[in-house]
């Protein structure tokens, strides 16, 4: 199985284990989409924004002396976009509805970050 297939399998697993997930994308720190479970036309734009937001979050955390960024949650009126740092090698962005059990999404995503690190290492 190729790395691409493995990454796609991780995003499929996310959707199965956290059914409220509306879409997800895995991107490099510089905004290149590696794998995605969103519309293909949206992937480059979402990957770039996720990488930018993660970079800003890292600077904020470091500037406030709160260690290393783990995750960033952005809550809108109709849902969440949650970004998870995949070490220094990527960002996992997950979109969910407002009524989502965000705790379940965190639980599943945190486990999958470790799997993604293993694939990309």
Protein backbone atom coordinates (compact mmCIF):
# COMPACT_ATOMS: atom_id res chain seq x y z
CA UNK A 1 0.00 0.00 0.00
CA UNK A 2 1.40 3.42 -0.96
CA UNK A 3 1.72 6.29 1.52
CA UNK A 4 -1.08 8.08 -0.34
CA UNK A 5 -3.36 5.06 0.12
CA UNK A 6 -2.46 4.88 3.80
CA UNK A 7 -3.24 8.57 4.33
CA UNK A 8 -6.56 8.24 2.51
CA UNK A 9 -7.37 5.23 4.71
CA UNK A 10 -6.72 7.32 7.83
CA UNK A 11 -9.17 10.00 6.66
CA UNK A 12 -11.75 7.30 5.89
CA UNK A 13 -11.23 5.87 9.36
CA UNK A 14 -11.84 9.33 10.83
CA UNK A 15 -15.18 9.58 9.03
CA UNK A 16 -16.19 6.09 10.26
CA UNK A 17 -15.20 6.63 13.89
CA UNK A 18 -16.52 10.20 14.15
CA UNK A 19 -19.60 10.25 11.89
CA UNK A 20 -20.28 13.96 12.46
CA UNK A 21 -17.16 14.86 10.49
CA UNK A 22 -18.20 16.76 7.35
CA UNK A 23 -14.76 16.81 5.77
CA UNK A 24 -11.05 16.63 6.49
CA UNK A 25 -7.73 17.42 4.91
CA UNK A 26 -4.12 16.63 5.66
CA UNK A 27 -1.65 19.27 4.51
CA UNK A 28 2.03 20.09 4.77
CA UNK A 29 3.13 23.06 6.91
CA UNK A 30 3.52 25.10 3.72
CA UNK A 31 -0.04 24.36 2.55
CA UNK A 32 0.24 21.47 0.10
CA UNK A 33 -2.70 19.03 0.29
CA UNK A 34 -1.48 15.49 0.97
CA UNK A 35 -4.85 13.77 1.36
CA UNK A 36 -8.39 15.05 1.61
CA UNK A 37 -12.00 14.10 2.20
CA UNK A 38 -13.51 17.30 0.79
CA UNK A 39 -14.30 18.52 -2.71
CA UNK A 40 -11.15 18.30 -4.83
CA UNK A 41 -11.67 21.86 -6.06
CA UNK A 42 -11.56 23.13 -2.46
CA UNK A 43 -8.50 21.15 -1.33
CA UNK A 44 -5.73 23.59 -2.37
CA UNK A 45 -7.46 26.59 -0.77
CA UNK A 46 -8.36 24.77 2.45
CA UNK A 47 -4.85 23.27 2.73
CA UNK A 48 -3.27 26.72 2.40
CA UNK A 49 -5.61 28.28 4.97
CA UNK A 50 -5.15 25.41 7.43
CA UNK A 51 -1.36 25.67 7.21
CA UNK A 52 -1.50 29.45 7.66
CA UNK A 53 -3.82 29.20 10.67
CA UNK A 54 -1.65 26.50 12.24
CA UNK A 55 1.44 28.65 11.76
CA UNK A 56 -0.26 31.61 13.42
CA UNK A 57 -1.47 29.40 16.27
CA UNK A 58 2.09 28.16 16.82
CA UNK A 59 3.38 31.72 17.07
CA UNK A 60 0.64 32.67 19.52
CA UNK A 61 1.32 29.65 21.74
CA UNK A 62 5.07 30.24 21.68
CA UNK A 63 4.60 33.97 22.30
CA UNK A 64 2.48 33.26 25.37
CA UNK A 65 4.93 30.62 26.57
CA UNK A 66 2.38 27.80 26.51
CA UNK A 67 4.63 25.14 25.01
CA UNK A 68 4.07 23.53 21.63
CA UNK A 69 0.80 23.87 19.73
CA UNK A 70 -1.30 20.70 19.82
CA UNK A 71 -4.57 21.84 18.29
CA UNK A 72 -6.57 24.89 17.36
CA UNK A 73 -10.38 25.05 17.44
CA UNK A 74 -12.25 27.66 15.40
CA UNK A 75 -15.96 27.81 16.18
CA UNK A 76 -18.41 29.44 13.80
CA UNK A 77 -22.15 29.89 14.04
CA UNK A 78 -22.81 26.65 12.14
CA UNK A 79 -19.81 24.50 12.98
CA UNK A 80 -16.20 23.93 13.92
CA UNK A 81 -12.92 23.76 12.07
CA UNK A 82 -10.36 22.01 14.22
CA UNK A 83 -6.68 21.92 13.32
CA UNK A 84 -4.30 19.35 14.76
CA UNK A 85 -0.54 19.69 14.53
CA UNK A 86 1.01 16.55 13.08
CA UNK A 87 4.35 17.16 14.73
CA UNK A 88 6.33 19.52 12.52
CA UNK A 89 5.38 17.68 9.33
CA UNK A 90 1.76 18.57 8.79
CA UNK A 91 -1.67 19.73 9.82
CA UNK A 92 -4.91 17.77 10.01
CA UNK A 93 -7.98 19.99 9.51
CA UNK A 94 -11.43 18.66 10.36
CA UNK A 95 -14.76 20.34 9.63
CA UNK A 96 -17.83 19.47 11.72
CA UNK A 97 -21.32 20.81 12.39
CA UNK A 98 -22.20 22.86 15.46
CA UNK A 99 -24.09 19.98 17.09
CA UNK A 100 -21.07 17.69 16.84
CA UNK A 101 -19.71 15.83 19.84
CA UNK A 102 -16.41 17.69 19.63
CA UNK A 103 -14.95 15.57 22.42
CA UNK A 104 -15.34 12.44 20.28
CA UNK A 105 -13.73 14.22 17.33
CA UNK A 106 -10.78 15.22 19.54
CA UNK A 107 -10.39 11.68 20.84
CA UNK A 108 -10.37 10.10 17.38
CA UNK A 109 -8.26 12.82 15.76
CA UNK A 110 -5.57 12.73 18.45
CA UNK A 111 -5.17 8.99 17.89
CA UNK A 112 -5.03 9.41 14.13
CA UNK A 113 -2.36 12.11 14.37
CA UNK A 114 -0.03 9.43 15.73
CA UNK A 115 -0.89 7.13 12.81
CA UNK A 116 -0.25 9.93 10.33
CA UNK A 117 3.13 10.68 11.91
CA UNK A 118 4.06 7.01 11.51
CA UNK A 119 3.09 7.05 7.84
CA UNK A 120 4.94 10.29 7.03
CA UNK A 121 8.08 9.51 9.03
